[in-house]
Amino acid sequence: MKSTVRTIHVQTASADYPVFVGRGLFAEIPRRARIEAGRRIFVVTSPEIWSLWGQPFLAAFPQASAPIVLFLSPGERFKRLGEVERLAGELASAGADRSGLLIALGGGIVGDLGGFLAAIYMRGIEYVQVPTTLLAQVDSSVGGKTGANLVAGKNLIGSFHHPRAVFADIDVLQTLPERELRAGLFESIKAGVIRDAALFRFMEQNAAAVLCCEPEALERVITASIRMKAEVVGIDERESGLRMILNFGHTVGHAIEAATGYRALLHGEAIAWGMLAALQIAAARSTVTAAQAGRIERTILAYGPLPPFRATVEKLLDSAGRDKKNRAGKRRFVLPRGIGDAVVVEDVTDAELESAARWVLARAQAAGAAHSSR
């Protein structure tokens, strides 16, 4: 029996596009994305993803108009301008012009860099997002943010460039490593904490079913997460206000990634640590009750374990100071003020941030000691 395909519309001041959630979506990409016959198609993907899903992906396209495949190695260290230039050169060598269509088939790095490539190649070509990790499906593929990393920090170069369509095919999650699955689920917990109390309660009460990838449970989490983000992006496309709440956990999370050279943790894991750090500040300020803080922390840890990492307070503070969310010298920080509600503040002090960083480092050290004793 064919599964139902859910369609969520992202509507902003500059874009209107569908996000499709369901199973067996690869076969429907040409029709649902309304790809014109004869249009030249290019795919940016990783070798690993292509080995798993290249054949069913190609089967959706007539042989005469098979996409030209461009490869990007996995890992944050390849999310750099040098790779964008290389891929752009390959597009040019293959004869891509402004009528070309780029498809980003992969996780968040492929989606971010592929979208950025589409944004700047010949001053912009259309592209389609086909996210293959849970994190990319529920977060990075939706909203039009694209970018590349600098040594100084994550996503410091980028552009807003919305896709023509997004295809969140739940079937591809079957081959997703458990650690990658958990990393994506942390982003869904974030969605629940900041704006969707019902999603948070579902994940709080159904962790076993979600982690076992029970179809109905997983589809509910994915759909609710995307709906929340689509709603926020529709209200605030360019992150001038409300959209900032999507950065809950990202100030310290990005600092952890930078301080560890983007090698120790997956993005979702770093964000989970960052959420715990922000929760410490919120609890100390009483923007959340002790009971609410406890529920949030227990739910995050229920989708763990969180891998340990090593850094120093100084490195974390330095990286947080260069965060792109800061404005006019003020540090912007997202704090929960209840389950399903969050606020952006600009008055988090150095002392508060240092205290949260020390708490996280102590917890990470304890996690490392527990792991070593096994």
Protein backbone atom coordinates (compact mmCIF):
# COMPACT_ATOMS: atom_id res chain seq x y z
CA MET A 1 0.00 0.00 0.00
CA LYS A 2 1.41 3.37 -1.02
CA SER A 3 2.06 5.72 1.89
CA THR A 4 0.49 9.13 2.12
CA VAL A 5 2.63 12.06 1.05
CA ARG A 6 2.20 15.09 3.26
CA THR A 7 2.78 18.53 1.74
CA ILE A 8 3.88 21.48 3.83
CA HIS A 9 4.07 24.87 2.12
CA VAL A 10 6.78 27.36 2.95
CA GLN A 11 5.50 30.84 2.11
CA THR A 12 7.76 33.85 2.57
CA ALA A 13 7.95 37.33 1.11
CA SER A 14 10.21 36.09 -1.68
CA ALA A 15 9.37 32.39 -2.10
CA ASP A 16 6.60 29.82 -2.06
CA TYR A 17 7.54 26.16 -2.29
CA PRO A 18 6.42 22.73 -1.08
CA VAL A 19 8.09 20.33 1.31
CA PHE A 20 7.01 16.75 0.65
CA VAL A 21 7.19 14.21 3.48
CA GLY A 22 6.57 10.53 2.81
CA ARG A 23 8.01 7.30 1.48
CA GLY A 24 9.16 6.37 -2.00
CA LEU A 25 9.54 10.02 -2.99
CA PHE A 26 12.56 9.58 -5.27
CA ALA A 27 10.35 8.24 -8.04
CA GLU A 28 8.16 11.35 -7.81
CA ILE A 29 10.83 14.05 -7.87
CA PRO A 30 10.52 14.95 -11.60
CA ARG A 31 6.71 15.19 -11.43
CA ARG A 32 6.31 16.89 -8.06
CA ALA A 33 9.18 19.34 -8.68
CA ARG A 34 7.71 20.04 -12.13
CA ILE A 35 11.01 19.50 -13.89
CA GLU A 36 10.55 20.30 -17.55
CA ALA A 37 11.45 17.68 -20.16
CA GLY A 38 14.88 18.29 -21.62
CA ARG A 39 16.06 20.50 -18.78
CA ARG A 40 19.68 19.85 -17.80
CA ILE A 41 19.95 18.49 -14.27
CA PHE A 42 22.98 18.36 -12.00
CA VAL A 43 23.28 16.56 -8.67
CA VAL A 44 25.61 17.40 -5.80
CA THR A 45 26.01 14.44 -3.45
CA SER A 46 28.56 12.49 -1.44
CA PRO A 47 30.11 9.21 -2.63
CA GLU A 48 28.59 7.37 0.33
CA ILE A 49 25.06 8.58 -0.32
CA TRP A 50 25.38 7.91 -4.04
CA SER A 51 26.49 4.32 -3.43
CA LEU A 52 23.37 3.75 -1.33
CA TRP A 53 20.74 5.72 -3.22
CA GLY A 54 22.17 6.62 -6.63
CA GLN A 55 20.44 3.80 -8.48
CA PRO A 56 16.87 4.45 -7.22
CA PHE A 57 17.45 8.18 -7.67
CA LEU A 58 18.52 7.80 -11.32
CA ALA A 59 15.60 5.46 -11.99
CA ALA A 60 13.24 8.42 -11.64
CA PHE A 61 14.74 10.19 -14.68
CA PRO A 62 14.59 9.23 -18.36
CA GLN A 63 17.92 7.83 -19.48
CA ALA A 64 18.22 10.49 -22.16
CA SER A 65 18.13 13.24 -19.51
CA ALA A 66 20.03 11.52 -16.68
CA PRO A 67 21.50 14.02 -14.20
CA ILE A 68 25.22 14.82 -14.20
CA VAL A 69 26.66 13.91 -10.80
CA LEU A 70 29.10 16.09 -8.84
CA PHE A 71 30.69 14.73 -5.66
CA LEU A 72 31.44 16.43 -2.35
CA SER A 73 33.40 14.58 0.32
CA PRO A 74 31.61 14.29 3.68
CA GLY A 75 32.62 16.33 6.71
CA GLU A 76 32.54 19.94 7.89
CA ARG A 77 36.15 20.43 6.75
CA PHE A 78 34.90 20.21 3.15
CA LYS A 79 32.21 22.85 3.66
CA ARG A 80 34.57 25.50 2.35
CA LEU A 81 34.81 28.01 -0.49
CA GLY A 82 37.48 25.94 -2.21
CA GLU A 83 34.92 23.17 -2.71
CA VAL A 84 32.35 25.66 -3.99
CA GLU A 85 34.84 26.89 -6.58
CA ARG A 86 35.71 23.35 -7.61
CA LEU A 87 32.05 22.37 -8.01
CA ALA A 88 31.29 25.59 -9.90
CA GLY A 89 34.15 24.76 -12.26
CA GLU A 90 32.68 21.31 -12.85
CA LEU A 91 29.29 22.86 -13.61
CA ALA A 92 30.90 25.21 -16.13
CA SER A 93 32.88 22.39 -17.75
CA ALA A 94 29.66 20.39 -18.09
CA GLY A 95 27.99 23.31 -19.85
CA ALA A 96 25.60 24.35 -17.09
CA ASP A 97 23.84 27.64 -17.81
CA ARG A 98 21.14 29.66 -16.06
CA SER A 99 18.47 27.19 -17.10
CA GLY A 100 20.21 24.34 -15.27
CA LEU A 101 18.64 22.76 -12.19
CA LEU A 102 20.79 21.62 -9.27
CA ILE A 103 19.65 18.87 -6.89
CA ALA A 104 21.32 18.61 -3.47
CA LEU A 105 21.13 14.94 -2.46
CA GLY A 106 22.64 14.39 0.96
CA GLY A 107 22.87 15.63 4.52
CA GLY A 108 23.12 19.15 5.87
CA ILE A 109 26.60 19.85 4.50
CA VAL A 110 25.63 18.83 0.98
CA GLY A 111 22.42 20.84 1.27
CA ASP A 112 24.07 23.98 2.64
CA LEU A 113 26.98 23.96 0.20
CA GLY A 114 24.86 22.82 -2.76
CA GLY A 115 22.35 25.57 -2.05
CA PHE A 116 25.12 28.15 -1.82
CA LEU A 117 26.54 26.91 -5.12
CA ALA A 118 23.10 27.32 -6.70
CA ALA A 119 22.78 30.81 -5.18
CA ILE A 120 25.98 32.14 -6.75
CA TYR A 121 26.52 30.15 -9.94
CA MET A 122 25.70 32.54 -12.80
CA ARG A 123 24.15 34.74 -10.09
CA GLY A 124 21.62 32.09 -9.19
CA ILE A 125 20.07 28.93 -10.59
CA GLU A 126 17.16 26.89 -9.30
CA TYR A 127 17.76 23.95 -7.01
CA VAL A 128 15.91 21.18 -5.19
CA GLN A 129 16.70 19.83 -1.73
CA VAL A 130 16.61 16.04 -1.22
CA PRO A 131 17.87 15.67 2.38
CA THR A 132 19.05 12.20 3.38
CA THR A 133 19.63 12.71 7.11
CA LEU A 134 17.00 13.35 9.72
CA LEU A 135 18.70 16.57 10.79
CA ALA A 136 18.65 17.91 7.24
CA GLN A 137 15.02 16.89 6.77
CA VAL A 138 13.72 18.60 9.90
CA ASP A 139 15.95 21.65 9.84
CA SER A 140 18.64 22.68 7.37
CA SER A 141 16.83 21.86 4.10
CA VAL A 142 13.95 24.21 4.92
CA GLY A 143 14.16 27.99 5.06
CA GLY A 144 16.60 28.99 2.35
CA LYS A 145 19.77 29.36 4.40
CA THR A 146 22.87 28.29 2.48
CA GLY A 147 26.52 28.72 3.27
CA ALA A 148 30.11 27.69 3.81
CA ASN A 149 32.46 27.72 6.77
CA LEU A 150 35.52 29.84 7.47
CA VAL A 151 38.36 28.97 9.82
CA ALA A 152 36.98 31.71 12.06
CA GLY A 153 33.55 30.11 12.37
CA LYS A 154 30.66 28.16 10.94
CA ASN A 155 28.47 29.48 8.12
CA LEU A 156 30.12 32.90 8.13
CA ILE A 157 29.73 33.04 4.34
CA GLY A 158 26.33 32.36 2.85
CA SER A 159 23.17 33.52 1.17
CA PHE A 160 19.42 33.17 1.44
CA HIS A 161 18.37 31.09 -1.56
CA HIS A 162 15.17 29.08 -1.32
CA PRO A 163 14.82 25.72 -3.07
CA ARG A 164 12.21 24.97 -5.69
CA ALA A 165 11.02 22.05 -3.56
CA VAL A 166 12.15 19.82 -0.70
CA PHE A 167 11.71 16.03 -0.60
CA ALA A 168 11.96 14.45 2.85
CA ASP A 169 11.86 10.75 1.97
CA ILE A 170 11.57 8.72 5.16
CA ASP A 171 12.80 5.58 3.36
CA VAL A 172 16.36 6.94 3.21
CA LEU A 173 16.51 7.00 6.99
CA GLN A 174 16.61 3.18 6.97
CA THR A 175 20.32 3.31 6.19
CA LEU A 176 21.06 6.16 8.60
CA PRO A 177 23.48 5.22 11.41
CA GLU A 178 21.90 5.37 14.87
CA ARG A 179 24.16 8.22 15.91
CA GLU A 180 23.04 10.30 12.92
CA LEU A 181 19.41 9.56 13.75
CA ARG A 182 19.84 10.75 17.32
CA ALA A 183 21.64 13.88 16.14
CA GLY A 184 18.63 14.80 14.03
CA LEU A 185 16.20 14.11 16.84
CA PHE A 186 17.94 16.70 19.01
CA GLU A 187 16.89 19.32 16.44
CA SER A 188 13.30 18.13 16.73
CA ILE A 189 13.48 18.41 20.51
CA LYS A 190 14.69 21.97 19.93
CA ALA A 191 11.63 22.62 17.76
CA GLY A 192 9.38 21.41 20.54
CA VAL A 193 11.08 23.44 23.24
CA ILE A 194 10.98 26.75 21.37
CA ARG A 195 7.53 26.68 19.77
CA ASP A 196 5.62 23.36 19.73
CA ALA A 197 4.73 22.04 23.17
CA ALA A 198 2.70 19.19 21.66
CA LEU A 199 5.74 17.97 19.70
CA PHE A 200 7.86 18.16 22.85
CA ARG A 201 5.33 16.15 24.86
CA PHE A 202 5.14 13.52 22.12
CA MET A 203 8.91 13.13 22.04
CA GLU A 204 9.07 13.17 25.83
CA GLN A 205 6.51 10.37 26.11
CA ASN A 206 7.43 8.27 23.06
CA ALA A 207 11.22 8.16 23.01
CA ALA A 208 11.36 4.38 22.57
CA ALA A 209 9.04 4.38 19.57
CA VAL A 210 10.83 7.29 17.92
CA LEU A 211 14.29 5.83 18.48
CA CYS A 212 13.12 2.48 17.06
CA CYS A 213 12.02 4.36 13.93
CA GLU A 214 8.41 3.24 14.20
CA PRO A 215 7.00 4.74 10.98
CA GLU A 216 4.06 6.63 12.42
CA ALA A 217 6.07 8.06 15.31
CA LEU A 218 8.97 9.14 13.12
CA GLU A 219 6.70 10.67 10.48
CA ARG A 220 4.85 12.64 13.16
CA VAL A 221 8.11 14.07 14.51
CA ILE A 222 9.42 14.98 11.07
CA THR A 223 6.17 16.57 9.91
CA ALA A 224 5.68 18.60 13.09
CA SER A 225 9.29 19.81 13.04
CA ILE A 226 9.01 20.99 9.44
CA ARG A 227 5.64 22.67 10.05
CA MET A 228 7.09 24.62 12.95
CA LYS A 229 10.06 25.83 10.94
CA ALA A 230 7.93 26.67 7.90
CA GLU A 231 5.68 28.79 10.10
CA VAL A 232 8.59 30.68 11.66
CA VAL A 233 10.35 31.24 8.32
CA GLY A 234 7.10 32.46 6.82
CA ILE A 235 6.83 35.12 9.51
CA ASP A 236 10.50 36.11 9.53
CA GLU A 237 12.33 35.12 6.36
CA ARG A 238 15.62 36.97 6.95
CA GLU A 239 16.13 36.33 10.65
CA SER A 240 15.39 39.87 11.75
CA GLY A 241 13.26 38.77 14.70
CA LEU A 242 11.29 35.61 15.41
CA ARG A 243 13.49 33.32 13.31
CA MET A 244 16.29 33.87 15.81
CA ILE A 245 14.57 31.42 18.17
CA LEU A 246 15.61 28.61 15.81
CA ASN A 247 19.13 29.19 17.13
CA PHE A 248 18.33 27.77 20.56
CA GLY A 249 21.46 25.85 21.57
CA HIS A 250 23.48 27.17 18.67
CA THR A 251 25.59 29.82 20.39
CA VAL A 252 27.42 27.33 22.58
CA GLY A 253 26.83 24.50 20.10
CA HIS A 254 28.65 26.29 17.28
CA ALA A 255 31.38 27.30 19.74
CA ILE A 256 31.89 23.65 20.67
CA GLU A 257 32.12 22.67 17.00
CA ALA A 258 34.69 25.37 16.28
CA ALA A 259 36.72 24.65 19.42
CA THR A 260 36.93 20.95 18.53
CA GLY A 261 37.79 21.50 14.86
CA TYR A 262 34.41 20.16 13.66
CA ARG A 263 35.65 16.63 14.24
CA ALA A 264 34.50 15.52 17.70
CA LEU A 265 30.71 15.82 17.38
CA LEU A 266 27.94 15.72 14.85
CA HIS A 267 26.11 19.03 14.49
CA GLY A 268 23.00 17.83 16.32
CA GLU A 269 25.12 16.53 19.20
CA ALA A 270 26.85 19.90 19.57
CA ILE A 271 23.45 21.62 19.55
CA ALA A 272 22.22 19.26 22.28
CA TRP A 273 25.16 20.26 24.47
CA GLY A 274 24.41 23.90 23.57
CA MET A 275 20.77 23.52 24.59
CA LEU A 276 21.84 22.13 27.95
CA ALA A 277 24.16 25.13 28.40
CA ALA A 278 21.39 27.60 27.52
CA LEU A 279 19.09 25.73 29.89
CA GLN A 280 21.51 26.39 32.76
CA ILE A 281 21.34 30.14 32.10
CA ALA A 282 17.55 30.04 31.76
CA ALA A 283 17.16 28.09 35.01
CA ALA A 284 19.48 30.48 36.87
CA ARG A 285 17.43 33.42 35.59
CA SER A 286 14.14 31.60 36.38
CA THR A 287 12.85 32.09 32.83
CA VAL A 288 11.88 28.42 33.15
CA THR A 289 10.77 26.65 36.29
CA ALA A 290 12.92 23.95 37.82
CA ALA A 291 10.32 21.39 36.80
CA GLN A 292 10.33 22.53 33.17
CA ALA A 293 14.14 22.62 33.07
CA GLY A 294 14.22 19.10 34.45
CA ARG A 295 11.80 17.83 31.80
CA ILE A 296 13.80 19.41 29.00
CA GLU A 297 17.11 18.05 30.27
CA ARG A 298 15.72 14.53 30.80
CA THR A 299 14.22 14.49 27.32
CA ILE A 300 17.47 15.60 25.68
CA LEU A 301 19.39 12.91 27.57
CA ALA A 302 16.74 10.28 26.71
CA TYR A 303 17.75 10.67 23.07
CA GLY A 304 21.45 10.40 23.94
CA PRO A 305 23.99 9.41 24.94
CA LEU A 306 25.80 12.66 24.23
CA PRO A 307 29.38 11.96 23.15
CA PRO A 308 32.12 13.63 25.19
CA PHE A 309 34.40 16.32 23.82
CA ARG A 310 37.42 18.27 24.98
CA ALA A 311 37.84 22.03 24.90
CA THR A 312 38.71 24.91 27.18
CA VAL A 313 36.51 27.64 28.58
CA GLU A 314 38.68 30.19 26.80
CA LYS A 315 38.18 28.56 23.40
CA LEU A 316 34.43 28.32 23.88
CA LEU A 317 34.13 31.95 24.94
CA ASP A 318 36.31 33.10 22.05
CA SER A 319 34.25 31.14 19.49
CA ALA A 320 30.97 32.37 20.99
CA GLY A 321 32.23 35.94 20.66
CA ARG A 322 32.61 35.50 16.90
CA ASP A 323 29.16 33.98 16.45
CA LYS A 324 27.32 35.40 13.43
CA LYS A 325 24.15 35.89 15.50
CA ASN A 326 25.82 38.71 17.45
CA ARG A 327 24.77 42.24 16.49
CA ALA A 328 26.58 45.54 17.11
CA GLY A 329 28.81 43.97 19.70
CA LYS A 330 25.87 42.46 21.58
CA ARG A 331 25.69 38.72 22.16
CA ARG A 332 22.32 37.34 21.10
CA PHE A 333 21.21 34.29 23.03
CA VAL A 334 18.06 32.18 22.86
CA LEU A 335 16.58 31.09 26.17
CA PRO A 336 13.50 28.98 26.84
CA ARG A 337 10.85 30.63 28.97
CA GLY A 338 8.62 27.59 29.11
CA ILE A 339 8.07 24.46 27.07
CA GLY A 340 6.93 25.63 23.65
CA ASP A 341 8.14 29.18 24.15
CA ALA A 342 11.51 30.92 23.79
CA VAL A 343 12.91 34.43 23.81
CA VAL A 344 15.94 36.14 22.27
CA VAL A 345 17.96 38.16 24.78
CA GLU A 346 20.97 40.41 24.38
CA ASP A 347 22.02 40.74 28.01
CA VAL A 348 23.68 37.39 28.75
CA THR A 349 26.77 38.40 30.66
CA ASP A 350 30.29 37.05 30.30
CA ALA A 351 29.94 35.56 33.76
CA GLU A 352 26.74 33.72 32.83
CA LEU A 353 28.24 32.37 29.62
CA GLU A 354 31.43 31.31 31.40
CA SER A 355 29.43 29.53 34.09
CA ALA A 356 27.39 27.65 31.44
CA ALA A 357 30.56 26.75 29.52
CA ARG A 358 32.20 25.38 32.67
CA TRP A 359 29.09 23.33 33.44
CA VAL A 360 29.04 21.83 29.95
CA LEU A 361 32.75 21.04 30.00
CA ALA A 362 32.37 19.32 33.37
CA ARG A 363 29.47 17.23 32.06
CA ALA A 364 31.41 16.36 28.92
CA GLN A 365 34.39 15.30 31.02
CA ALA A 366 32.15 13.12 33.18
CA ALA A 367 30.65 11.57 30.04
CA GLY A 368 34.15 10.83 28.78
CA ALA A 369 35.14 9.20 32.06
CA ALA A 370 32.00 7.07 32.04
CA HIS A 371 32.70 6.00 28.45
CA SER A 372 36.32 5.08 29.25
CA SER A 373 35.27 2.91 32.21
CA ARG A 374 33.05 0.70 30.07
